[in-house]
Amino acid sequence: MEDFVSGLFGDRWREAVRWAAGQDHNTSDAEPGRVYSSLQEAYGQSADMSDQIDNPDEMNNQLCSALRSTTDGTPSTYVDNALVGNGLEAQRSLHPTYDPS
């Protein structure tokens, strides 16, 4: 999965995929008392300069589209259960079953 994402979006998104896999909550929902989503806090303009990725929400949406178009069967169900446009969340739900290492 990381190679697929890196090939589509560049190596910076490989890091984002690893980050999403390690989260224990939805990657795009803002937690109570927070203005930004976890994704924006980790990689958006509110993140450290060295961690910032241009347009993380747009890239997340593109990842979701790529996963929706390349999965079928049970993996597709995982992707379909993630909110539309949340590719990192779809990947996070796929990770424990399909990339457990």
C-alpha atoms as a PDB file:
ATOM      1  CA  MET A   1       0.000   0.000   0.000  1.00  0.00           C
ATOM      2  CA  GLU A   2       2.757   2.445   0.897  1.00  0.00           C
ATOM      3  CA  ASP A   3       4.454   1.902  -2.469  1.00  0.00           C
ATOM      4  CA  PHE A   4       1.149   2.463  -4.288  1.00  0.00           C
ATOM      5  CA  VAL A   5       0.541   5.719  -2.429  1.00  0.00           C
ATOM      6  CA  SER A   6       4.126   6.862  -2.824  1.00  0.00           C
ATOM      7  CA  GLY A   7       3.971   6.172  -6.561  1.00  0.00           C
ATOM      8  CA  LEU A   8       0.793   8.214  -6.933  1.00  0.00           C
ATOM      9  CA  PHE A   9       1.469  11.082  -4.550  1.00  0.00           C
ATOM     10  CA  GLY A  10       5.167  11.098  -3.671  1.00  0.00           C
ATOM     11  CA  ASP A  11       7.220   9.955  -0.712  1.00  0.00           C
ATOM     12  CA  ARG A  12       5.750  12.517   1.702  1.00  0.00           C
ATOM     13  CA  TRP A  13       2.461  10.625   1.528  1.00  0.00           C
ATOM     14  CA  ARG A  14       4.203   7.370   2.439  1.00  0.00           C
ATOM     15  CA  GLU A  15       4.833   8.996   5.811  1.00  0.00           C
ATOM     16  CA  ALA A  16       1.181  10.104   6.027  1.00  0.00           C
ATOM     17  CA  VAL A  17       0.006   6.538   5.355  1.00  0.00           C
ATOM     18  CA  ARG A  18       2.229   5.245   8.156  1.00  0.00           C
ATOM     19  CA  TRP A  19       0.895   7.985  10.422  1.00  0.00           C
ATOM     20  CA  ALA A  20      -2.731   7.088   9.610  1.00  0.00           C
ATOM     21  CA  ALA A  21      -2.115   3.387  10.240  1.00  0.00           C
ATOM     22  CA  GLY A  22      -0.892   4.228  13.724  1.00  0.00           C
ATOM     23  CA  GLN A  23      -3.903   6.343  14.689  1.00  0.00           C
ATOM     24  CA  ASP A  24      -6.534   4.928  17.004  1.00  0.00           C
ATOM     25  CA  HIS A  25      -9.220   7.376  15.877  1.00  0.00           C
ATOM     26  CA  ASN A  26     -10.605   8.835  12.671  1.00  0.00           C
ATOM     27  CA  THR A  27      -7.904  10.811  10.899  1.00  0.00           C
ATOM     28  CA  SER A  28     -10.100  13.656   9.661  1.00  0.00           C
ATOM     29  CA  ASP A  29     -12.433  14.354  12.577  1.00  0.00           C
ATOM     30  CA  ALA A  30     -11.526  17.218  14.839  1.00  0.00           C
ATOM     31  CA  GLU A  31     -11.473  16.087  18.440  1.00  0.00           C
ATOM     32  CA  PRO A  32     -13.488  18.045  21.016  1.00  0.00           C
ATOM     33  CA  GLY A  33     -11.851  21.385  21.722  1.00  0.00           C
ATOM     34  CA  ARG A  34      -9.720  21.294  18.569  1.00  0.00           C
ATOM     35  CA  VAL A  35     -10.220  23.490  15.549  1.00  0.00           C
ATOM     36  CA  TYR A  36      -8.277  21.371  13.052  1.00  0.00           C
ATOM     37  CA  SER A  37      -8.646  17.728  12.146  1.00  0.00           C
ATOM     38  CA  SER A  38      -5.876  15.314  13.099  1.00  0.00           C
ATOM     39  CA  LEU A  39      -4.731  15.334   9.463  1.00  0.00           C
ATOM     40  CA  GLN A  40      -4.487  19.123   9.402  1.00  0.00           C
ATOM     41  CA  GLU A  41      -2.646  19.159  12.727  1.00  0.00           C
ATOM     42  CA  ALA A  42      -0.154  16.573  11.505  1.00  0.00           C
ATOM     43  CA  TYR A  43       0.431  17.798   7.934  1.00  0.00           C
ATOM     44  CA  GLY A  44      -1.503  21.012   7.257  1.00  0.00           C
ATOM     45  CA  GLN A  45      -0.498  24.624   7.756  1.00  0.00           C
ATOM     46  CA  SER A  46      -0.786  24.265  11.525  1.00  0.00           C
ATOM     47  CA  ALA A  47       1.920  21.542  11.513  1.00  0.00           C
ATOM     48  CA  ASP A  48       5.653  22.148  11.872  1.00  0.00           C
ATOM     49  CA  MET A  49       7.106  23.472   8.634  1.00  0.00           C
ATOM     50  CA  SER A  50       9.141  20.291   8.104  1.00  0.00           C
ATOM     51  CA  ASP A  51       5.989  18.147   8.354  1.00  0.00           C
ATOM     52  CA  GLN A  52       3.701  20.184   6.113  1.00  0.00           C
ATOM     53  CA  ILE A  53       2.268  18.674   2.942  1.00  0.00           C
ATOM     54  CA  ASP A  54       0.652  20.899   0.327  1.00  0.00           C
ATOM     55  CA  ASN A  55      -3.129  20.478   0.236  1.00  0.00           C
ATOM     56  CA  PRO A  56      -3.426  17.447   2.558  1.00  0.00           C
ATOM     57  CA  ASP A  57      -7.230  17.428   2.336  1.00  0.00           C
ATOM     58  CA  GLU A  58      -7.139  17.409  -1.466  1.00  0.00           C
ATOM     59  CA  MET A  59      -4.566  14.623  -1.487  1.00  0.00           C
ATOM     60  CA  ASN A  60      -6.672  12.683   1.031  1.00  0.00           C
ATOM     61  CA  ASN A  61      -9.642  12.994  -1.332  1.00  0.00           C
ATOM     62  CA  GLN A  62      -7.551  11.796  -4.278  1.00  0.00           C
ATOM     63  CA  LEU A  63      -6.307   8.824  -2.264  1.00  0.00           C
ATOM     64  CA  CYS A  64      -9.902   7.928  -1.458  1.00  0.00           C
ATOM     65  CA  SER A  65     -10.809   8.019  -5.153  1.00  0.00           C
ATOM     66  CA  ALA A  66      -7.799   5.860  -6.019  1.00  0.00           C
ATOM     67  CA  LEU A  67      -8.713   3.292  -3.351  1.00  0.00           C
ATOM     68  CA  ARG A  68     -12.363   3.232  -4.434  1.00  0.00           C
ATOM     69  CA  SER A  69     -11.374   2.581  -8.031  1.00  0.00           C
ATOM     70  CA  THR A  70      -8.775  -0.112  -7.286  1.00  0.00           C
ATOM     71  CA  THR A  71     -10.471  -2.240  -4.624  1.00  0.00           C
ATOM     72  CA  ASP A  72     -13.241  -4.799  -4.868  1.00  0.00           C
ATOM     73  CA  GLY A  73     -14.760  -7.455  -2.650  1.00  0.00           C
ATOM     74  CA  THR A  74     -14.110  -7.209   1.071  1.00  0.00           C
ATOM     75  CA  PRO A  75     -11.389  -4.517   0.779  1.00  0.00           C
ATOM     76  CA  SER A  76     -13.863  -2.371  -1.113  1.00  0.00           C
ATOM     77  CA  THR A  77     -16.282  -2.654   1.814  1.00  0.00           C
ATOM     78  CA  TYR A  78     -13.631  -1.216   4.134  1.00  0.00           C
ATOM     79  CA  VAL A  79     -13.063   1.683   1.745  1.00  0.00           C
ATOM     80  CA  ASP A  80     -16.791   2.294   1.288  1.00  0.00           C
ATOM     81  CA  ASN A  81     -17.268   2.467   5.072  1.00  0.00           C
ATOM     82  CA  ALA A  82     -14.847   5.402   5.350  1.00  0.00           C
ATOM     83  CA  LEU A  83     -16.273   8.867   4.845  1.00  0.00           C
ATOM     84  CA  VAL A  84     -16.188  10.024   1.244  1.00  0.00           C
ATOM     85  CA  GLY A  85     -12.931  11.824   0.580  1.00  0.00           C
ATOM     86  CA  ASN A  86     -11.071  10.280   3.503  1.00  0.00           C
ATOM     87  CA  GLY A  87      -8.512   8.024   1.857  1.00  0.00           C
ATOM     88  CA  LEU A  88      -6.231   7.907   4.885  1.00  0.00           C
ATOM     89  CA  GLU A  89      -9.126   6.703   7.020  1.00  0.00           C
ATOM     90  CA  ALA A  90      -9.954   4.049   4.403  1.00  0.00           C
ATOM     91  CA  GLN A  91      -6.318   2.970   4.410  1.00  0.00           C
ATOM     92  CA  ARG A  92      -6.273   2.967   8.236  1.00  0.00           C
ATOM     93  CA  SER A  93      -9.219   0.570   8.274  1.00  0.00           C
ATOM     94  CA  LEU A  94      -7.586  -1.692   5.658  1.00  0.00           C
ATOM     95  CA  HIS A  95      -4.194  -1.741   7.352  1.00  0.00           C
ATOM     96  CA  PRO A  96      -4.753  -4.233  10.217  1.00  0.00           C
ATOM     97  CA  THR A  97      -6.209  -6.883   7.908  1.00  0.00           C
ATOM     98  CA  TYR A  98      -4.305  -6.409   4.664  1.00  0.00           C
ATOM     99  CA  ASP A  99      -0.938  -5.005   5.784  1.00  0.00           C
ATOM    100  CA  PRO A 100      -0.470  -6.222   9.368  1.00  0.00           C
ATOM    101  CA  SER A 101       3.328  -6.087   9.449  1.00  0.00           C
END
